[in-house]
Amino acid sequence: MSDDQSPRRQGAEGANAGYAALGYLMSGIGLWGFLGWLLDRWLGLPHIGLMLGLVVGTALAVYLIVKRLGA
């Protein structure tokens, strides 16, 4: 019974992968967006660093999701 392939077991694994992907995406956008915002405040830019940080964070998060989860 160690290789129980019931639908309930597969659903739990899929949900865990989904939550991991969501966590990577939210943290990537949040961290890089915050760093871009700090760069804007430091250099006095009009939200250029924030926008660049959000795009870079999203791209890196998607890369990490594909690499780690094989989606």
PDB file of N, CA and C in Angstrom:
ATOM      1  N   MET A   1       0.807  -1.202   0.000  1.00  0.00           N
ATOM      2  CA  MET A   1       0.000   0.000   0.000  1.00  0.00           C
ATOM      3  C   MET A   1       0.851   1.267   0.000  1.00  0.00           C
ATOM      4  N   SER A   2       2.153   1.159  -0.147  1.00  0.00           N
ATOM      5  CA  SER A   2       2.995   2.346  -0.132  1.00  0.00           C
ATOM      6  C   SER A   2       2.822   3.177  -1.405  1.00  0.00           C
ATOM      7  N   ASP A   3       2.434   2.557  -2.515  1.00  0.00           N
ATOM      8  CA  ASP A   3       2.224   3.313  -3.741  1.00  0.00           C
ATOM      9  C   ASP A   3       0.731   3.455  -4.031  1.00  0.00           C
ATOM     10  N   ASP A   4       0.030   4.046  -3.071  1.00  0.00           N
ATOM     11  CA  ASP A   4      -1.406   4.287  -3.194  1.00  0.00           C
ATOM     12  C   ASP A   4      -1.631   5.422  -4.187  1.00  0.00           C
ATOM     13  N   GLN A   5      -2.258   5.117  -5.314  1.00  0.00           N
ATOM     14  CA  GLN A   5      -2.489   6.104  -6.357  1.00  0.00           C
ATOM     15  C   GLN A   5      -3.949   6.531  -6.415  1.00  0.00           C
ATOM     16  N   SER A   6      -4.574   6.637  -5.275  1.00  0.00           N
ATOM     17  CA  SER A   6      -5.973   7.044  -5.243  1.00  0.00           C
ATOM     18  C   SER A   6      -6.100   8.508  -5.687  1.00  0.00           C
ATOM     19  N   PRO A   7      -7.251   8.914  -6.215  1.00  0.00           N
ATOM     20  CA  PRO A   7      -7.431  10.307  -6.640  1.00  0.00           C
ATOM     21  C   PRO A   7      -7.221  11.303  -5.512  1.00  0.00           C
ATOM     22  N   ARG A   8      -7.557  10.907  -4.295  1.00  0.00           N
ATOM     23  CA  ARG A   8      -7.378  11.822  -3.176  1.00  0.00           C
ATOM     24  C   ARG A   8      -5.903  12.107  -2.934  1.00  0.00           C
ATOM     25  N   ARG A   9      -5.057  11.099  -3.042  1.00  0.00           N
ATOM     26  CA  ARG A   9      -3.614  11.271  -2.849  1.00  0.00           C
ATOM     27  C   ARG A   9      -3.018  12.147  -3.956  1.00  0.00           C
ATOM     28  N   GLN A  10      -3.429  11.926  -5.191  1.00  0.00           N
ATOM     29  CA  GLN A  10      -2.918  12.717  -6.299  1.00  0.00           C
ATOM     30  C   GLN A  10      -3.379  14.167  -6.196  1.00  0.00           C
ATOM     31  N   GLY A  11      -4.573  14.390  -5.720  1.00  0.00           N
ATOM     32  CA  GLY A  11      -5.083  15.747  -5.569  1.00  0.00           C
ATOM     33  C   GLY A  11      -4.297  16.544  -4.550  1.00  0.00           C
ATOM     34  N   ALA A  12      -3.882  15.890  -3.475  1.00  0.00           N
ATOM     35  CA  ALA A  12      -3.104  16.578  -2.445  1.00  0.00           C
ATOM     36  C   ALA A  12      -1.740  16.977  -2.981  1.00  0.00           C
ATOM     37  N   GLU A  13      -1.126  16.122  -3.773  1.00  0.00           N
ATOM     38  CA  GLU A  13       0.181  16.457  -4.348  1.00  0.00           C
ATOM     39  C   GLU A  13       0.058  17.600  -5.340  1.00  0.00           C
ATOM     40  N   GLY A  14      -1.007  17.604  -6.123  1.00  0.00           N
ATOM     41  CA  GLY A  14      -1.233  18.692  -7.073  1.00  0.00           C
ATOM     42  C   GLY A  14      -1.489  20.016  -6.374  1.00  0.00           C
ATOM     43  N   ALA A  15      -2.223  19.967  -5.276  1.00  0.00           N
ATOM     44  CA  ALA A  15      -2.494  21.188  -4.521  1.00  0.00           C
ATOM     45  C   ALA A  15      -1.210  21.732  -3.908  1.00  0.00           C
ATOM     46  N   ASN A  16      -0.360  20.856  -3.406  1.00  0.00           N
ATOM     47  CA  ASN A  16       0.914  21.302  -2.833  1.00  0.00           C
ATOM     48  C   ASN A  16       1.784  21.961  -3.892  1.00  0.00           C
ATOM     49  N   ALA A  17       1.823  21.402  -5.090  1.00  0.00           N
ATOM     50  CA  ALA A  17       2.590  22.008  -6.176  1.00  0.00           C
ATOM     51  C   ALA A  17       1.991  23.359  -6.562  1.00  0.00           C
ATOM     52  N   GLY A  18       0.680  23.457  -6.560  1.00  0.00           N
ATOM     53  CA  GLY A  18       0.029  24.724  -6.870  1.00  0.00           C
ATOM     54  C   GLY A  18       0.327  25.798  -5.834  1.00  0.00           C
ATOM     55  N   TYR A  19       0.289  25.419  -4.566  1.00  0.00           N
ATOM     56  CA  TYR A  19       0.613  26.382  -3.509  1.00  0.00           C
ATOM     57  C   TYR A  19       2.078  26.791  -3.572  1.00  0.00           C
ATOM     58  N   ALA A  20       2.956  25.861  -3.907  1.00  0.00           N
ATOM     59  CA  ALA A  20       4.376  26.196  -4.048  1.00  0.00           C
ATOM     60  C   ALA A  20       4.568  27.180  -5.195  1.00  0.00           C
ATOM     61  N   ALA A  21       3.908  26.939  -6.325  1.00  0.00           N
ATOM     62  CA  ALA A  21       4.014  27.845  -7.471  1.00  0.00           C
ATOM     63  C   ALA A  21       3.474  29.228  -7.115  1.00  0.00           C
ATOM     64  N   LEU A  22       2.355  29.280  -6.423  1.00  0.00           N
ATOM     65  CA  LEU A  22       1.787  30.562  -6.011  1.00  0.00           C
ATOM     66  C   LEU A  22       2.728  31.293  -5.057  1.00  0.00           C
ATOM     67  N   GLY A  23       3.340  30.556  -4.150  1.00  0.00           N
ATOM     68  CA  GLY A  23       4.290  31.166  -3.223  1.00  0.00           C
ATOM     69  C   GLY A  23       5.506  31.733  -3.928  1.00  0.00           C
ATOM     70  N   TYR A  24       6.053  30.981  -4.904  1.00  0.00           N
ATOM     71  CA  TYR A  24       7.189  31.480  -5.679  1.00  0.00           C
ATOM     72  C   TYR A  24       6.806  32.752  -6.430  1.00  0.00           C
ATOM     73  N   LEU A  25       5.630  32.756  -7.032  1.00  0.00           N
ATOM     74  CA  LEU A  25       5.198  33.898  -7.821  1.00  0.00           C
ATOM     75  C   LEU A  25       4.980  35.133  -6.947  1.00  0.00           C
ATOM     76  N   MET A  26       4.292  34.969  -5.848  1.00  0.00           N
ATOM     77  CA  MET A  26       4.020  36.110  -4.963  1.00  0.00           C
ATOM     78  C   MET A  26       5.294  36.655  -4.329  1.00  0.00           C
ATOM     79  N   SER A  27       6.165  35.757  -3.886  1.00  0.00           N
ATOM     80  CA  SER A  27       7.389  36.232  -3.241  1.00  0.00           C
ATOM     81  C   SER A  27       8.343  36.866  -4.245  1.00  0.00           C
ATOM     82  N   GLY A  28       8.410  36.341  -5.464  1.00  0.00           N
ATOM     83  CA  GLY A  28       9.266  36.946  -6.478  1.00  0.00           C
ATOM     84  C   GLY A  28       8.808  38.343  -6.845  1.00  0.00           C
ATOM     85  N   ILE A  29       7.514  38.487  -7.076  1.00  0.00           N
ATOM     86  CA  ILE A  29       6.964  39.799  -7.415  1.00  0.00           C
ATOM     87  C   ILE A  29       7.124  40.762  -6.241  1.00  0.00           C
ATOM     88  N   GLY A  30       6.832  40.286  -5.044  1.00  0.00           N
ATOM     89  CA  GLY A  30       6.924  41.152  -3.864  1.00  0.00           C
ATOM     90  C   GLY A  30       8.345  41.598  -3.559  1.00  0.00           C
ATOM     91  N   LEU A  31       9.279  40.665  -3.568  1.00  0.00           N
ATOM     92  CA  LEU A  31      10.669  41.001  -3.227  1.00  0.00           C
ATOM     93  C   LEU A  31      11.296  41.922  -4.265  1.00  0.00           C
ATOM     94  N   TRP A  32      11.203  41.557  -5.539  1.00  0.00           N
ATOM     95  CA  TRP A  32      11.827  42.363  -6.583  1.00  0.00           C
ATOM     96  C   TRP A  32      11.097  43.686  -6.778  1.00  0.00           C
ATOM     97  N   GLY A  33       9.783  43.696  -6.589  1.00  0.00           N
ATOM     98  CA  GLY A  33       9.057  44.956  -6.648  1.00  0.00           C
ATOM     99  C   GLY A  33       9.478  45.898  -5.532  1.00  0.00           C
ATOM    100  N   PHE A  34       9.673  45.352  -4.343  1.00  0.00           N
ATOM    101  CA  PHE A  34      10.128  46.162  -3.215  1.00  0.00           C
ATOM    102  C   PHE A  34      11.532  46.706  -3.456  1.00  0.00           C
ATOM    103  N   LEU A  35      12.417  45.867  -3.989  1.00  0.00           N
ATOM    104  CA  LEU A  35      13.769  46.334  -4.291  1.00  0.00           C
ATOM    105  C   LEU A  35      13.752  47.421  -5.359  1.00  0.00           C
ATOM    106  N   GLY A  36      12.893  47.283  -6.355  1.00  0.00           N
ATOM    107  CA  GLY A  36      12.747  48.327  -7.367  1.00  0.00           C
ATOM    108  C   GLY A  36      12.206  49.612  -6.784  1.00  0.00           C
ATOM    109  N   TRP A  37      11.265  49.496  -5.860  1.00  0.00           N
ATOM    110  CA  TRP A  37      10.717  50.675  -5.185  1.00  0.00           C
ATOM    111  C   TRP A  37      11.799  51.372  -4.370  1.00  0.00           C
ATOM    112  N   LEU A  38      12.619  50.585  -3.672  1.00  0.00           N
ATOM    113  CA  LEU A  38      13.727  51.182  -2.913  1.00  0.00           C
ATOM    114  C   LEU A  38      14.703  51.903  -3.838  1.00  0.00           C
ATOM    115  N   LEU A  39      14.978  51.304  -4.984  1.00  0.00           N
ATOM    116  CA  LEU A  39      15.863  51.945  -5.954  1.00  0.00           C
ATOM    117  C   LEU A  39      15.261  53.270  -6.442  1.00  0.00           C
ATOM    118  N   ASP A  40      13.959  53.284  -6.672  1.00  0.00           N
ATOM    119  CA  ASP A  40      13.283  54.526  -7.062  1.00  0.00           C
ATOM    120  C   ASP A  40      13.430  55.598  -5.990  1.00  0.00           C
ATOM    121  N   ARG A  41      13.213  55.210  -4.754  1.00  0.00           N
ATOM    122  CA  ARG A  41      13.319  56.178  -3.657  1.00  0.00           C
ATOM    123  C   ARG A  41      14.747  56.695  -3.516  1.00  0.00           C
ATOM    124  N   TRP A  42      15.721  55.820  -3.710  1.00  0.00           N
ATOM    125  CA  TRP A  42      17.124  56.197  -3.549  1.00  0.00           C
ATOM    126  C   TRP A  42      17.586  57.121  -4.674  1.00  0.00           C
ATOM    127  N   LEU A  43      17.181  56.817  -5.913  1.00  0.00           N
ATOM    128  CA  LEU A  43      17.626  57.600  -7.064  1.00  0.00           C
ATOM    129  C   LEU A  43      16.639  58.685  -7.478  1.00  0.00           C
ATOM    130  N   GLY A  44      15.464  58.705  -6.882  1.00  0.00           N
ATOM    131  CA  GLY A  44      14.454  59.709  -7.212  1.00  0.00           C
ATOM    132  C   GLY A  44      13.814  59.494  -8.575  1.00  0.00           C
ATOM    133  N   LEU A  45      13.661  58.256  -8.984  1.00  0.00           N
ATOM    134  CA  LEU A  45      13.073  57.933 -10.283  1.00  0.00           C
ATOM    135  C   LEU A  45      11.546  57.857 -10.185  1.00  0.00           C
ATOM    136  N   PRO A  46      10.843  58.111 -11.281  1.00  0.00           N
ATOM    137  CA  PRO A  46       9.372  58.048 -11.269  1.00  0.00           C
ATOM    138  C   PRO A  46       8.841  56.635 -11.543  1.00  0.00           C
ATOM    139  N   HIS A  47       8.996  55.730 -10.633  1.00  0.00           N
ATOM    140  CA  HIS A  47       8.462  54.359 -10.663  1.00  0.00           C
ATOM    141  C   HIS A  47       9.068  53.462 -11.744  1.00  0.00           C
ATOM    142  N   ILE A  48      10.201  53.838 -12.287  1.00  0.00           N
ATOM    143  CA  ILE A  48      10.848  52.995 -13.294  1.00  0.00           C
ATOM    144  C   ILE A  48      11.424  51.744 -12.638  1.00  0.00           C
ATOM    145  N   GLY A  49      12.073  51.900 -11.510  1.00  0.00           N
ATOM    146  CA  GLY A  49      12.642  50.757 -10.794  1.00  0.00           C
ATOM    147  C   GLY A  49      11.571  49.798 -10.307  1.00  0.00           C
ATOM    148  N   LEU A  50      10.452  50.334  -9.867  1.00  0.00           N
ATOM    149  CA  LEU A  50       9.344  49.495  -9.410  1.00  0.00           C
ATOM    150  C   LEU A  50       8.820  48.630 -10.548  1.00  0.00           C
ATOM    151  N   MET A  51       8.570  49.234 -11.691  1.00  0.00           N
ATOM    152  CA  MET A  51       8.057  48.483 -12.830  1.00  0.00           C
ATOM    153  C   MET A  51       9.070  47.443 -13.305  1.00  0.00           C
ATOM    154  N   LEU A  52      10.323  47.830 -13.357  1.00  0.00           N
ATOM    155  CA  LEU A  52      11.365  46.897 -13.757  1.00  0.00           C
ATOM    156  C   LEU A  52      11.486  45.759 -12.743  1.00  0.00           C
ATOM    157  N   GLY A  53      11.388  46.071 -11.463  1.00  0.00           N
ATOM    158  CA  GLY A  53      11.441  45.050 -10.424  1.00  0.00           C
ATOM    159  C   GLY A  53      10.284  44.070 -10.508  1.00  0.00           C
ATOM    160  N   LEU A  54       9.093  44.574 -10.808  1.00  0.00           N
ATOM    161  CA  LEU A  54       7.928  43.695 -10.939  1.00  0.00           C
ATOM    162  C   LEU A  54       8.081  42.747 -12.129  1.00  0.00           C
ATOM    163  N   VAL A  55       8.592  43.258 -13.240  1.00  0.00           N
ATOM    164  CA  VAL A  55       8.780  42.421 -14.425  1.00  0.00           C
ATOM    165  C   VAL A  55       9.872  41.384 -14.187  1.00  0.00           C
ATOM    166  N   VAL A  56      10.985  41.807 -13.610  1.00  0.00           N
ATOM    167  CA  VAL A  56      12.085  40.880 -13.322  1.00  0.00           C
ATOM    168  C   VAL A  56      11.644  39.832 -12.307  1.00  0.00           C
ATOM    169  N   GLY A  57      10.922  40.246 -11.275  1.00  0.00           N
ATOM    170  CA  GLY A  57      10.438  39.303 -10.272  1.00  0.00           C
ATOM    171  C   GLY A  57       9.492  38.272 -10.849  1.00  0.00           C
ATOM    172  N   THR A  58       8.617  38.709 -11.738  1.00  0.00           N
ATOM    173  CA  THR A  58       7.703  37.776 -12.391  1.00  0.00           C
ATOM    174  C   THR A  58       8.451  36.785 -13.267  1.00  0.00           C
ATOM    175  N   ALA A  59       9.397  37.284 -14.046  1.00  0.00           N
ATOM    176  CA  ALA A  59      10.168  36.411 -14.940  1.00  0.00           C
ATOM    177  C   ALA A  59      10.988  35.396 -14.147  1.00  0.00           C
ATOM    178  N   LEU A  60      11.636  35.838 -13.093  1.00  0.00           N
ATOM    179  CA  LEU A  60      12.432  34.919 -12.283  1.00  0.00           C
ATOM    180  C   LEU A  60      11.557  33.898 -11.561  1.00  0.00           C
ATOM    181  N   ALA A  61      10.383  34.319 -11.118  1.00  0.00           N
ATOM    182  CA  ALA A  61       9.466  33.392 -10.456  1.00  0.00           C
ATOM    183  C   ALA A  61       8.971  32.324 -11.423  1.00  0.00           C
ATOM    184  N   VAL A  62       8.634  32.716 -12.634  1.00  0.00           N
ATOM    185  CA  VAL A  62       8.187  31.745 -13.630  1.00  0.00           C
ATOM    186  C   VAL A  62       9.311  30.778 -13.968  1.00  0.00           C
ATOM    187  N   TYR A  63      10.531  31.290 -14.108  1.00  0.00           N
ATOM    188  CA  TYR A  63      11.685  30.423 -14.359  1.00  0.00           C
ATOM    189  C   TYR A  63      11.868  29.414 -13.220  1.00  0.00           C
ATOM    190  N   LEU A  64      11.747  29.884 -11.987  1.00  0.00           N
ATOM    191  CA  LEU A  64      11.916  28.998 -10.831  1.00  0.00           C
ATOM    192  C   LEU A  64      10.803  27.958 -10.766  1.00  0.00           C
ATOM    193  N   ILE A  65       9.595  28.341 -11.100  1.00  0.00           N
ATOM    194  CA  ILE A  65       8.476  27.390 -11.108  1.00  0.00           C
ATOM    195  C   ILE A  65       8.725  26.293 -12.142  1.00  0.00           C
ATOM    196  N   VAL A  66       9.139  26.681 -13.322  1.00  0.00           N
ATOM    197  CA  VAL A  66       9.395  25.697 -14.381  1.00  0.00           C
ATOM    198  C   VAL A  66      10.564  24.796 -14.003  1.00  0.00           C
ATOM    199  N   LYS A  67      11.608  25.375 -13.446  1.00  0.00           N
ATOM    200  CA  LYS A  67      12.799  24.588 -13.089  1.00  0.00           C
ATOM    201  C   LYS A  67      12.523  23.612 -11.940  1.00  0.00           C
ATOM    202  N   ARG A  68      11.871  24.073 -10.896  1.00  0.00           N
ATOM    203  CA  ARG A  68      11.665  23.229  -9.717  1.00  0.00           C
ATOM    204  C   ARG A  68      10.463  22.300  -9.811  1.00  0.00           C
ATOM    205  N   LEU A  69       9.395  22.775 -10.439  1.00  0.00           N
ATOM    206  CA  LEU A  69       8.164  21.985 -10.465  1.00  0.00           C
ATOM    207  C   LEU A  69       7.933  21.307 -11.800  1.00  0.00           C
ATOM    208  N   GLY A  70       8.693  21.684 -12.808  1.00  0.00           N
ATOM    209  CA  GLY A  70       8.550  21.047 -14.112  1.00  0.00           C
ATOM    210  C   GLY A  70       7.216  21.299 -14.760  1.00  0.00           C
ATOM    211  N   ALA A  71       6.656  22.472 -14.524  1.00  0.00           N
ATOM    212  CA  ALA A  71       5.325  22.786 -15.067  1.00  0.00           C
ATOM    213  C   ALA A  71       5.397  23.153 -16.517  1.00  0.00           C
TER     214      ALA A  71
END
